[in-house]
N, C-alpha and C. Protein backbone atom coordinates (compact mmCIF):
# COMPACT_ATOMS: atom_id res chain seq x y z
N MET A 1 24.73 65.75 33.08
CA MET A 1 24.89 64.39 32.65
C MET A 1 23.56 63.68 32.57
N VAL A 2 22.64 64.03 33.47
CA VAL A 2 21.33 63.39 33.46
C VAL A 2 20.58 63.75 32.19
N ARG A 3 20.78 65.01 31.72
CA ARG A 3 20.12 65.42 30.49
C ARG A 3 20.70 64.73 29.28
N SER A 4 21.94 64.38 29.30
CA SER A 4 22.57 63.74 28.14
C SER A 4 22.31 62.25 28.08
N LEU A 5 21.90 61.61 29.20
CA LEU A 5 21.64 60.17 29.20
C LEU A 5 20.53 59.78 28.23
N PRO A 6 19.41 60.49 28.18
CA PRO A 6 18.39 60.11 27.20
C PRO A 6 18.87 60.27 25.76
N SER A 7 19.68 61.28 25.50
CA SER A 7 20.18 61.44 24.13
C SER A 7 21.19 60.37 23.79
N VAL A 8 21.98 59.90 24.77
CA VAL A 8 22.92 58.80 24.52
C VAL A 8 22.15 57.51 24.23
N VAL A 9 21.08 57.27 25.01
CA VAL A 9 20.26 56.07 24.78
C VAL A 9 19.61 56.13 23.42
N ALA A 10 19.08 57.29 23.05
CA ALA A 10 18.44 57.46 21.75
C ALA A 10 19.44 57.26 20.63
N ALA A 11 20.65 57.81 20.78
CA ALA A 11 21.69 57.64 19.76
C ALA A 11 22.09 56.19 19.63
N THR A 12 22.17 55.49 20.76
CA THR A 12 22.53 54.07 20.73
C THR A 12 21.45 53.26 20.02
N LEU A 13 20.19 53.55 20.31
CA LEU A 13 19.10 52.83 19.65
C LEU A 13 19.09 53.09 18.15
N VAL A 14 19.37 54.32 17.74
CA VAL A 14 19.43 54.64 16.32
C VAL A 14 20.59 53.91 15.67
N ALA A 15 21.73 53.89 16.33
CA ALA A 15 22.90 53.20 15.78
C ALA A 15 22.65 51.71 15.66
N VAL A 16 22.02 51.15 16.67
CA VAL A 16 21.70 49.71 16.62
C VAL A 16 20.67 49.45 15.53
N GLY A 17 19.73 50.34 15.39
CA GLY A 17 18.70 50.17 14.36
C GLY A 17 19.25 50.23 12.96
N LEU A 18 20.34 50.96 12.77
CA LEU A 18 20.91 51.08 11.44
C LEU A 18 21.96 50.00 11.14
N SER A 19 22.41 49.31 12.16
CA SER A 19 23.43 48.29 11.91
C SER A 19 22.80 47.05 11.27
N GLN A 20 23.62 46.14 10.73
CA GLN A 20 23.12 44.97 10.02
C GLN A 20 22.62 43.88 10.97
N SER A 21 23.16 43.81 12.15
CA SER A 21 22.76 42.76 13.08
C SER A 21 21.29 42.84 13.45
N PRO A 22 20.74 44.01 13.83
CA PRO A 22 19.31 44.05 14.11
C PRO A 22 18.46 43.77 12.88
N ALA A 23 18.97 44.13 11.70
CA ALA A 23 18.21 43.82 10.49
C ALA A 23 18.06 42.31 10.35
N ALA A 24 19.13 41.58 10.63
CA ALA A 24 19.05 40.12 10.58
C ALA A 24 18.09 39.61 11.65
N ALA A 25 18.10 40.24 12.81
CA ALA A 25 17.17 39.85 13.87
C ALA A 25 15.74 40.14 13.46
N GLN A 26 15.53 41.27 12.77
CA GLN A 26 14.19 41.58 12.28
C GLN A 26 13.77 40.56 11.23
N ASP A 27 14.70 40.16 10.36
CA ASP A 27 14.39 39.12 9.39
C ASP A 27 14.01 37.82 10.09
N LEU A 28 14.71 37.51 11.19
CA LEU A 28 14.41 36.30 11.94
C LEU A 28 13.01 36.37 12.53
N VAL A 29 12.64 37.52 13.08
CA VAL A 29 11.30 37.67 13.64
C VAL A 29 10.26 37.51 12.54
N ALA A 30 10.49 38.13 11.40
CA ALA A 30 9.54 38.01 10.28
C ALA A 30 9.47 36.57 9.79
N ALA A 31 10.60 35.90 9.70
CA ALA A 31 10.61 34.51 9.25
C ALA A 31 9.89 33.62 10.25
N ASN A 32 10.06 33.88 11.54
CA ASN A 32 9.35 33.10 12.56
C ASN A 32 7.85 33.30 12.45
N ALA A 33 7.44 34.54 12.25
CA ALA A 33 6.00 34.80 12.13
C ALA A 33 5.44 34.11 10.89
N LEU A 34 6.21 34.14 9.80
CA LEU A 34 5.77 33.49 8.57
C LEU A 34 5.72 31.99 8.73
N SER A 35 6.73 31.41 9.36
CA SER A 35 6.75 29.96 9.50
C SER A 35 5.72 29.46 10.49
N SER A 36 5.36 30.29 11.48
CA SER A 36 4.35 29.87 12.45
C SER A 36 2.97 29.85 11.83
N ALA A 37 2.81 30.53 10.71
CA ALA A 37 1.51 30.54 10.05
C ALA A 37 1.22 29.20 9.38
N VAL A 38 2.24 28.45 9.08
CA VAL A 38 2.06 27.15 8.45
C VAL A 38 1.81 26.12 9.54
N ILE A 39 0.76 25.35 9.41
CA ILE A 39 0.33 24.46 10.50
C ILE A 39 1.35 23.39 10.80
N HIS A 40 1.79 22.62 9.81
CA HIS A 40 2.64 21.47 10.09
C HIS A 40 4.10 21.83 10.31
N THR A 41 4.46 23.06 10.14
CA THR A 41 5.84 23.47 10.34
C THR A 41 5.91 24.62 11.33
N ALA A 42 5.41 24.42 12.52
CA ALA A 42 5.35 25.48 13.51
C ALA A 42 6.61 25.59 14.36
N VAL A 43 7.70 24.98 13.94
CA VAL A 43 8.95 25.07 14.67
C VAL A 43 9.65 26.36 14.24
N PRO A 44 10.05 27.22 15.17
CA PRO A 44 10.67 28.49 14.78
C PRO A 44 12.02 28.29 14.11
N LEU A 45 12.38 29.27 13.29
CA LEU A 45 13.67 29.24 12.62
C LEU A 45 14.77 29.66 13.57
N ALA A 46 15.96 29.21 13.30
CA ALA A 46 17.11 29.57 14.12
C ALA A 46 18.31 29.73 13.22
N PRO A 47 19.25 30.61 13.59
CA PRO A 47 20.44 30.75 12.76
C PRO A 47 21.25 29.46 12.77
N VAL A 48 21.84 29.16 11.63
CA VAL A 48 22.60 27.93 11.46
C VAL A 48 24.05 28.29 11.17
N PRO A 49 25.02 27.61 11.79
CA PRO A 49 26.42 27.90 11.49
C PRO A 49 26.72 27.69 10.01
N ALA A 50 27.73 28.38 9.51
CA ALA A 50 28.06 28.34 8.09
C ALA A 50 28.40 26.92 7.63
N SER A 51 29.11 26.15 8.44
CA SER A 51 29.47 24.79 8.01
C SER A 51 28.24 23.92 7.83
N VAL A 52 27.26 24.09 8.70
CA VAL A 52 26.02 23.32 8.58
C VAL A 52 25.18 23.86 7.44
N THR A 53 25.22 25.18 7.25
CA THR A 53 24.44 25.81 6.19
C THR A 53 24.88 25.29 4.83
N ILE A 54 26.17 25.17 4.62
CA ILE A 54 26.67 24.69 3.33
C ILE A 54 26.26 23.24 3.10
N ALA A 55 26.37 22.41 4.12
CA ALA A 55 25.97 21.01 3.98
C ALA A 55 24.46 20.90 3.78
N ALA A 56 23.70 21.69 4.51
CA ALA A 56 22.24 21.65 4.38
C ALA A 56 21.81 22.18 3.03
N ALA A 57 22.52 23.19 2.54
CA ALA A 57 22.18 23.74 1.24
C ALA A 57 22.37 22.71 0.14
N ALA A 58 23.38 21.87 0.28
CA ALA A 58 23.60 20.82 -0.71
C ALA A 58 22.45 19.82 -0.70
N VAL A 59 21.94 19.52 0.47
CA VAL A 59 20.84 18.57 0.58
C VAL A 59 19.54 19.21 0.10
N VAL A 60 19.32 20.46 0.49
CA VAL A 60 18.07 21.13 0.16
C VAL A 60 18.04 21.52 -1.32
N SER A 61 19.20 21.72 -1.92
CA SER A 61 19.23 22.24 -3.28
C SER A 61 18.52 21.34 -4.27
N HIS A 62 18.60 20.03 -4.11
CA HIS A 62 17.93 19.16 -5.07
C HIS A 62 16.42 19.17 -4.89
N VAL A 63 15.94 19.55 -3.72
CA VAL A 63 14.51 19.59 -3.46
C VAL A 63 13.91 20.92 -3.88
N ASP A 64 14.63 21.99 -3.63
CA ASP A 64 14.06 23.31 -3.80
C ASP A 64 14.84 24.12 -4.84
N THR A 65 15.13 23.55 -6.00
CA THR A 65 15.93 24.25 -7.00
C THR A 65 15.16 25.42 -7.61
N ALA A 66 13.87 25.28 -7.79
CA ALA A 66 13.09 26.37 -8.38
C ALA A 66 13.05 27.57 -7.45
N ALA A 67 12.85 27.33 -6.18
CA ALA A 67 12.80 28.42 -5.21
C ALA A 67 14.17 29.07 -5.07
N ALA A 68 15.23 28.28 -5.13
CA ALA A 68 16.58 28.83 -5.01
C ALA A 68 16.92 29.67 -6.22
N ALA A 69 16.44 29.28 -7.40
CA ALA A 69 16.73 30.04 -8.61
C ALA A 69 15.97 31.36 -8.62
N SER A 70 14.78 31.39 -8.02
CA SER A 70 13.99 32.61 -8.03
C SER A 70 14.49 33.64 -7.03
N THR A 71 15.19 33.23 -6.00
CA THR A 71 15.72 34.17 -5.02
C THR A 71 17.14 34.52 -5.40
N THR A 72 17.36 35.80 -5.62
CA THR A 72 18.69 36.24 -6.04
C THR A 72 19.27 37.18 -5.01
N THR A 73 19.17 36.82 -3.75
CA THR A 73 19.73 37.67 -2.71
C THR A 73 21.20 37.32 -2.53
N THR A 74 21.98 38.33 -2.30
CA THR A 74 23.41 38.11 -2.08
C THR A 74 23.77 38.57 -0.68
N SER A 75 22.91 38.25 0.27
CA SER A 75 23.17 38.69 1.64
C SER A 75 24.30 37.87 2.24
N SER A 76 25.12 38.55 3.01
CA SER A 76 26.22 37.84 3.66
C SER A 76 25.87 37.47 5.08
N GLY A 77 24.61 37.71 5.48
CA GLY A 77 24.17 37.39 6.84
C GLY A 77 23.92 35.90 6.98
N PRO A 78 23.48 35.51 8.14
CA PRO A 78 23.23 34.08 8.36
C PRO A 78 22.05 33.60 7.54
N LYS A 79 22.11 32.36 7.14
CA LYS A 79 21.01 31.74 6.39
C LYS A 79 20.16 30.96 7.38
N PHE A 80 18.87 30.97 7.14
CA PHE A 80 17.94 30.29 8.02
C PHE A 80 17.27 29.16 7.28
N TYR A 81 17.24 28.02 7.90
CA TYR A 81 16.56 26.86 7.34
C TYR A 81 15.53 26.40 8.35
N HIS A 82 14.40 25.99 7.84
CA HIS A 82 13.35 25.49 8.72
C HIS A 82 13.60 24.00 8.94
N ALA A 83 13.95 23.67 10.16
CA ALA A 83 14.26 22.28 10.48
C ALA A 83 13.19 21.73 11.41
N TYR A 84 12.60 20.60 11.03
CA TYR A 84 11.66 19.92 11.90
C TYR A 84 11.79 18.43 11.65
N ALA A 85 11.42 17.67 12.62
CA ALA A 85 11.52 16.22 12.51
C ALA A 85 10.12 15.65 12.40
N GLU A 86 9.92 14.83 11.38
CA GLU A 86 8.65 14.13 11.25
C GLU A 86 8.77 12.81 11.98
N PRO A 87 7.76 12.46 12.76
CA PRO A 87 7.84 11.18 13.47
C PRO A 87 7.78 10.03 12.47
N ARG A 88 8.70 9.12 12.62
CA ARG A 88 8.71 7.94 11.76
C ARG A 88 7.94 6.83 12.46
N PRO A 89 7.13 6.11 11.72
CA PRO A 89 6.47 4.98 12.36
C PRO A 89 7.51 3.95 12.77
N GLN A 90 7.33 3.45 13.96
CA GLN A 90 8.30 2.51 14.47
C GLN A 90 8.08 1.16 13.81
N GLY A 91 9.14 0.56 13.32
CA GLY A 91 9.02 -0.73 12.66
C GLY A 91 8.71 -1.84 13.64
N ARG A 92 8.08 -2.85 13.13
CA ARG A 92 7.72 -4.00 13.95
C ARG A 92 9.00 -4.72 14.36
N PRO A 93 9.11 -5.08 15.64
CA PRO A 93 10.32 -5.78 16.06
C PRO A 93 10.38 -7.17 15.43
N LEU A 94 11.55 -7.69 15.32
CA LEU A 94 11.74 -8.98 14.68
C LEU A 94 11.12 -10.12 15.47
N VAL A 95 10.77 -9.89 16.72
CA VAL A 95 10.27 -10.98 17.56
C VAL A 95 8.78 -11.26 17.30
N LEU A 96 7.99 -10.28 16.85
CA LEU A 96 6.55 -10.50 16.72
C LEU A 96 6.16 -11.50 15.63
N PRO A 97 6.64 -11.41 14.41
CA PRO A 97 6.23 -12.41 13.41
C PRO A 97 6.53 -13.86 13.81
N PRO A 98 7.71 -14.15 14.40
CA PRO A 98 7.91 -15.53 14.86
C PRO A 98 6.96 -15.92 15.98
N LEU A 99 6.60 -14.97 16.85
CA LEU A 99 5.62 -15.27 17.90
C LEU A 99 4.25 -15.58 17.30
N TYR A 100 3.89 -14.87 16.24
CA TYR A 100 2.63 -15.15 15.54
C TYR A 100 2.67 -16.54 14.92
N ALA A 101 3.76 -16.87 14.26
CA ALA A 101 3.88 -18.19 13.64
C ALA A 101 3.87 -19.28 14.70
N MET A 102 4.51 -19.02 15.83
CA MET A 102 4.54 -20.01 16.91
C MET A 102 3.13 -20.25 17.46
N GLN A 103 2.33 -19.20 17.57
CA GLN A 103 0.97 -19.35 18.06
C GLN A 103 0.17 -20.24 17.12
N ALA A 104 0.28 -20.00 15.83
CA ALA A 104 -0.45 -20.82 14.85
C ALA A 104 0.03 -22.28 14.92
N ALA A 105 1.33 -22.49 15.03
CA ALA A 105 1.87 -23.86 15.10
C ALA A 105 1.44 -24.56 16.39
N LEU A 106 1.43 -23.83 17.50
CA LEU A 106 1.01 -24.44 18.76
C LEU A 106 -0.46 -24.82 18.74
N GLN A 107 -1.30 -24.02 18.11
CA GLN A 107 -2.71 -24.38 18.01
C GLN A 107 -2.90 -25.61 17.13
N ALA A 108 -2.12 -25.72 16.06
CA ALA A 108 -2.19 -26.92 15.21
C ALA A 108 -1.70 -28.14 15.98
N LEU A 109 -0.62 -27.99 16.75
CA LEU A 109 -0.13 -29.10 17.57
C LEU A 109 -1.13 -29.49 18.65
N ASP A 110 -1.87 -28.51 19.16
CA ASP A 110 -2.90 -28.82 20.16
C ASP A 110 -3.98 -29.71 19.56
N VAL A 111 -4.42 -29.39 18.35
CA VAL A 111 -5.43 -30.23 17.67
C VAL A 111 -4.88 -31.62 17.43
N ARG A 112 -3.66 -31.69 16.90
CA ARG A 112 -3.05 -32.99 16.59
C ARG A 112 -2.87 -33.84 17.85
N SER A 113 -2.34 -33.23 18.90
CA SER A 113 -2.10 -33.99 20.14
C SER A 113 -3.41 -34.40 20.80
N THR A 114 -4.41 -33.53 20.72
CA THR A 114 -5.71 -33.87 21.31
C THR A 114 -6.32 -35.08 20.61
N PHE A 115 -6.30 -35.08 19.29
CA PHE A 115 -6.90 -36.22 18.57
C PHE A 115 -6.03 -37.47 18.65
N SER A 116 -4.74 -37.31 18.83
CA SER A 116 -3.89 -38.49 19.07
C SER A 116 -4.26 -39.13 20.40
N ALA A 117 -4.44 -38.30 21.43
CA ALA A 117 -4.81 -38.83 22.75
C ALA A 117 -6.21 -39.43 22.73
N ILE A 118 -7.14 -38.78 22.04
CA ILE A 118 -8.51 -39.30 21.97
C ILE A 118 -8.54 -40.64 21.24
N SER A 119 -7.73 -40.78 20.19
CA SER A 119 -7.69 -42.06 19.45
C SER A 119 -7.13 -43.19 20.29
N MET A 120 -6.40 -42.86 21.36
CA MET A 120 -5.83 -43.89 22.25
C MET A 120 -6.70 -44.11 23.49
N GLY A 121 -7.88 -43.46 23.54
CA GLY A 121 -8.79 -43.72 24.64
C GLY A 121 -8.94 -42.59 25.63
N ALA A 122 -8.23 -41.50 25.46
CA ALA A 122 -8.38 -40.35 26.37
C ALA A 122 -9.64 -39.58 26.01
N HIS A 123 -10.01 -38.64 26.84
CA HIS A 123 -11.16 -37.79 26.56
C HIS A 123 -10.76 -36.32 26.68
N GLU A 124 -11.53 -35.46 26.05
CA GLU A 124 -11.26 -34.02 26.09
C GLU A 124 -11.61 -33.49 27.47
N ALA A 125 -10.64 -32.88 28.15
CA ALA A 125 -10.85 -32.38 29.50
C ALA A 125 -11.44 -30.97 29.52
N ASN A 126 -11.29 -30.22 28.43
CA ASN A 126 -11.80 -28.85 28.36
C ASN A 126 -13.30 -28.91 28.07
N PRO A 127 -14.15 -28.44 29.00
CA PRO A 127 -15.60 -28.54 28.78
C PRO A 127 -16.09 -27.73 27.58
N VAL A 128 -15.39 -26.67 27.23
CA VAL A 128 -15.79 -25.86 26.07
C VAL A 128 -15.54 -26.63 24.78
N MET A 129 -14.48 -27.41 24.74
CA MET A 129 -14.11 -28.13 23.52
C MET A 129 -14.69 -29.55 23.47
N GLN A 130 -15.32 -30.04 24.53
CA GLN A 130 -15.87 -31.41 24.55
C GLN A 130 -16.85 -31.67 23.41
N PRO A 131 -17.73 -30.73 23.06
CA PRO A 131 -18.65 -31.02 21.94
C PRO A 131 -17.92 -31.23 20.61
N LEU A 132 -16.70 -30.70 20.49
CA LEU A 132 -15.95 -30.83 19.23
C LEU A 132 -14.95 -31.99 19.27
N ALA A 133 -14.98 -32.79 20.32
CA ALA A 133 -14.00 -33.87 20.47
C ALA A 133 -14.10 -34.90 19.35
N GLY A 134 -15.25 -35.04 18.76
CA GLY A 134 -15.39 -36.00 17.66
C GLY A 134 -15.32 -35.36 16.30
N ASN A 135 -15.16 -34.07 16.22
CA ASN A 135 -15.17 -33.35 14.95
C ASN A 135 -13.83 -32.63 14.77
N GLN A 136 -12.93 -33.26 14.06
CA GLN A 136 -11.58 -32.68 13.91
C GLN A 136 -11.62 -31.37 13.11
N ALA A 137 -12.44 -31.28 12.08
CA ALA A 137 -12.53 -30.05 11.27
C ALA A 137 -13.07 -28.90 12.11
N GLY A 138 -14.08 -29.19 12.96
CA GLY A 138 -14.63 -28.15 13.82
C GLY A 138 -13.62 -27.66 14.83
N MET A 139 -12.87 -28.61 15.42
CA MET A 139 -11.85 -28.21 16.39
C MET A 139 -10.74 -27.41 15.72
N MET A 140 -10.37 -27.80 14.50
CA MET A 140 -9.34 -27.04 13.77
C MET A 140 -9.82 -25.63 13.49
N ALA A 141 -11.12 -25.49 13.15
CA ALA A 141 -11.66 -24.15 12.88
C ALA A 141 -11.64 -23.29 14.14
N VAL A 142 -12.01 -23.89 15.28
CA VAL A 142 -12.00 -23.14 16.54
C VAL A 142 -10.57 -22.74 16.90
N LYS A 143 -9.64 -23.66 16.77
CA LYS A 143 -8.24 -23.36 17.12
C LYS A 143 -7.65 -22.31 16.17
N ALA A 144 -8.02 -22.37 14.89
CA ALA A 144 -7.56 -21.33 13.94
C ALA A 144 -8.13 -19.98 14.34
N GLY A 145 -9.39 -19.97 14.80
CA GLY A 145 -10.00 -18.72 15.27
C GLY A 145 -9.31 -18.19 16.52
N VAL A 146 -8.93 -19.10 17.43
CA VAL A 146 -8.22 -18.69 18.65
C VAL A 146 -6.87 -18.07 18.27
N ALA A 147 -6.15 -18.73 17.36
CA ALA A 147 -4.85 -18.19 16.93
C ALA A 147 -5.03 -16.83 16.25
N ALA A 148 -6.02 -16.72 15.38
CA ALA A 148 -6.25 -15.46 14.66
C ALA A 148 -6.65 -14.35 15.63
N ALA A 149 -7.50 -14.67 16.61
CA ALA A 149 -7.92 -13.65 17.58
C ALA A 149 -6.75 -13.20 18.45
N THR A 150 -5.90 -14.14 18.84
CA THR A 150 -4.74 -13.79 19.66
C THR A 150 -3.80 -12.88 18.88
N ILE A 151 -3.55 -13.23 17.63
CA ILE A 151 -2.66 -12.41 16.78
C ILE A 151 -3.30 -11.05 16.53
N PHE A 152 -4.59 -11.04 16.26
CA PHE A 152 -5.30 -9.77 16.00
C PHE A 152 -5.21 -8.84 17.20
N MET A 153 -5.45 -9.36 18.39
CA MET A 153 -5.40 -8.52 19.59
C MET A 153 -3.99 -8.00 19.85
N SER A 154 -3.01 -8.84 19.62
CA SER A 154 -1.63 -8.39 19.80
C SER A 154 -1.28 -7.30 18.78
N GLU A 155 -1.71 -7.50 17.55
CA GLU A 155 -1.44 -6.51 16.51
C GLU A 155 -2.18 -5.20 16.81
N LYS A 156 -3.37 -5.30 17.34
CA LYS A 156 -4.13 -4.10 17.71
C LYS A 156 -3.41 -3.34 18.83
N MET A 157 -2.89 -4.08 19.81
CA MET A 157 -2.13 -3.43 20.88
C MET A 157 -0.88 -2.77 20.31
N TRP A 158 -0.22 -3.44 19.37
CA TRP A 158 0.99 -2.89 18.76
C TRP A 158 0.68 -1.57 18.07
N ARG A 159 -0.37 -1.54 17.29
CA ARG A 159 -0.71 -0.33 16.54
C ARG A 159 -1.22 0.78 17.44
N ALA A 160 -1.77 0.43 18.59
CA ALA A 160 -2.24 1.45 19.53
C ALA A 160 -1.09 2.04 20.34
N GLY A 161 0.10 1.52 20.18
CA GLY A 161 1.26 2.06 20.89
C GLY A 161 1.72 1.25 22.07
N ASN A 162 1.01 0.19 22.40
CA ASN A 162 1.41 -0.66 23.53
C ASN A 162 2.30 -1.78 23.00
N ARG A 163 3.51 -1.41 22.61
CA ARG A 163 4.43 -2.35 21.97
C ARG A 163 4.87 -3.44 22.94
N THR A 164 5.18 -3.08 24.16
CA THR A 164 5.60 -4.06 25.15
C THR A 164 4.47 -5.02 25.47
N GLY A 165 3.26 -4.49 25.60
CA GLY A 165 2.10 -5.32 25.88
C GLY A 165 1.83 -6.32 24.78
N ALA A 166 2.04 -5.91 23.53
CA ALA A 166 1.82 -6.82 22.40
C ALA A 166 2.79 -8.00 22.47
N ILE A 167 4.03 -7.72 22.76
CA ILE A 167 5.04 -8.79 22.82
C ILE A 167 4.78 -9.68 24.03
N VAL A 168 4.51 -9.07 25.18
CA VAL A 168 4.29 -9.85 26.40
C VAL A 168 3.04 -10.72 26.27
N SER A 169 1.98 -10.18 25.67
CA SER A 169 0.75 -10.97 25.52
C SER A 169 0.97 -12.16 24.59
N MET A 170 1.76 -11.97 23.54
CA MET A 170 2.04 -13.10 22.64
C MET A 170 2.90 -14.15 23.34
N ILE A 171 3.85 -13.71 24.14
CA ILE A 171 4.68 -14.67 24.88
C ILE A 171 3.82 -15.44 25.86
N ALA A 172 2.91 -14.75 26.55
CA ALA A 172 2.03 -15.42 27.51
C ALA A 172 1.09 -16.41 26.81
N ALA A 173 0.50 -15.99 25.69
CA ALA A 173 -0.41 -16.88 24.96
C ALA A 173 0.34 -18.11 24.44
N ASN A 174 1.54 -17.90 23.96
CA ASN A 174 2.34 -19.03 23.46
C ASN A 174 2.75 -19.95 24.61
N ALA A 175 3.04 -19.39 25.76
CA ALA A 175 3.42 -20.21 26.92
C ALA A 175 2.25 -21.08 27.37
N VAL A 176 1.05 -20.50 27.42
CA VAL A 176 -0.13 -21.28 27.82
C VAL A 176 -0.40 -22.38 26.80
N SER A 177 -0.33 -22.04 25.52
CA SER A 177 -0.55 -23.05 24.47
C SER A 177 0.50 -24.15 24.53
N ALA A 178 1.75 -23.77 24.80
CA ALA A 178 2.82 -24.77 24.89
C ALA A 178 2.60 -25.70 26.08
N ILE A 179 2.10 -25.18 27.18
CA ILE A 179 1.80 -26.02 28.36
C ILE A 179 0.70 -27.02 28.02
N VAL A 180 -0.34 -26.57 27.30
CA VAL A 180 -1.43 -27.46 26.91
C VAL A 180 -0.92 -28.55 25.98
N VAL A 181 -0.11 -28.17 24.98
CA VAL A 181 0.43 -29.15 24.03
C VAL A 181 1.34 -30.14 24.75
N ALA A 182 2.18 -29.66 25.64
CA ALA A 182 3.07 -30.56 26.39
C ALA A 182 2.26 -31.53 27.25
N HIS A 183 1.19 -31.05 27.86
CA HIS A 183 0.31 -31.92 28.66
C HIS A 183 -0.33 -32.99 27.78
N ASN A 184 -0.81 -32.59 26.59
CA ASN A 184 -1.43 -33.55 25.68
C ASN A 184 -0.43 -34.63 25.26
N TYR A 185 0.78 -34.23 24.91
CA TYR A 185 1.78 -35.23 24.48
C TYR A 185 2.23 -36.10 25.66
N ARG A 186 2.22 -35.57 26.86
CA ARG A 186 2.54 -36.38 28.03
C ARG A 186 1.49 -37.49 28.19
N ILE A 187 0.22 -37.15 27.97
CA ILE A 187 -0.85 -38.15 28.06
C ILE A 187 -0.70 -39.17 26.94
N VAL A 188 -0.36 -38.70 25.74
CA VAL A 188 -0.16 -39.63 24.62
C VAL A 188 0.97 -40.60 24.96
N ASN A 189 2.07 -40.13 25.52
CA ASN A 189 3.19 -40.99 25.90
C ASN A 189 2.79 -41.99 26.98
N GLN A 190 1.98 -41.54 27.94
CA GLN A 190 1.53 -42.46 28.99
C GLN A 190 0.62 -43.54 28.42
N LEU A 191 -0.22 -43.18 27.47
CA LEU A 191 -1.14 -44.17 26.89
C LEU A 191 -0.40 -45.15 25.98
N GLN A 192 0.71 -44.75 25.43
CA GLN A 192 1.49 -45.64 24.54
C GLN A 192 2.20 -46.72 25.35
N HIS A 193 2.53 -46.46 26.58
CA HIS A 193 3.27 -47.43 27.39
C HIS A 193 2.37 -48.29 28.17
């Protein structure tokens, strides 16, 4: 029996080698080696169930009609499709554009409220902006630059992948600007009474 074991193993290997299943496996290995040679499509091939193959063939047929017409194989084995997912760029959330618009509006309100308070006898408390207290166009230019820089930095964070940071930084910048505008209008109201 010990002498017949190697011949049984050899016969089994020959039988397996001649059957159709290993041929399909060999095709799979060859297809994997071929697909791995392509840089952007390095995902290995896998057998696909017939129901998915038929649906996928309908989708692929409009893209690859020339290749499908040139291949005239009538194999009844499994069909292999190269499936990979391309990363889609994530769309900008709906909250960012309104936050950008709010920042620009708050900076404009800051200029308006500051000059309203100054016209009623108040003075600019921010030492950086004191030289521009008499120049409305200069202050508007500085505030437009502040708004643009804030939006630019948030957009840069967004594009770098820090999506949460971009939203949080805009909310924080808008909150600080809103506090300044509210303070300015509170002073205007006090000076009016």
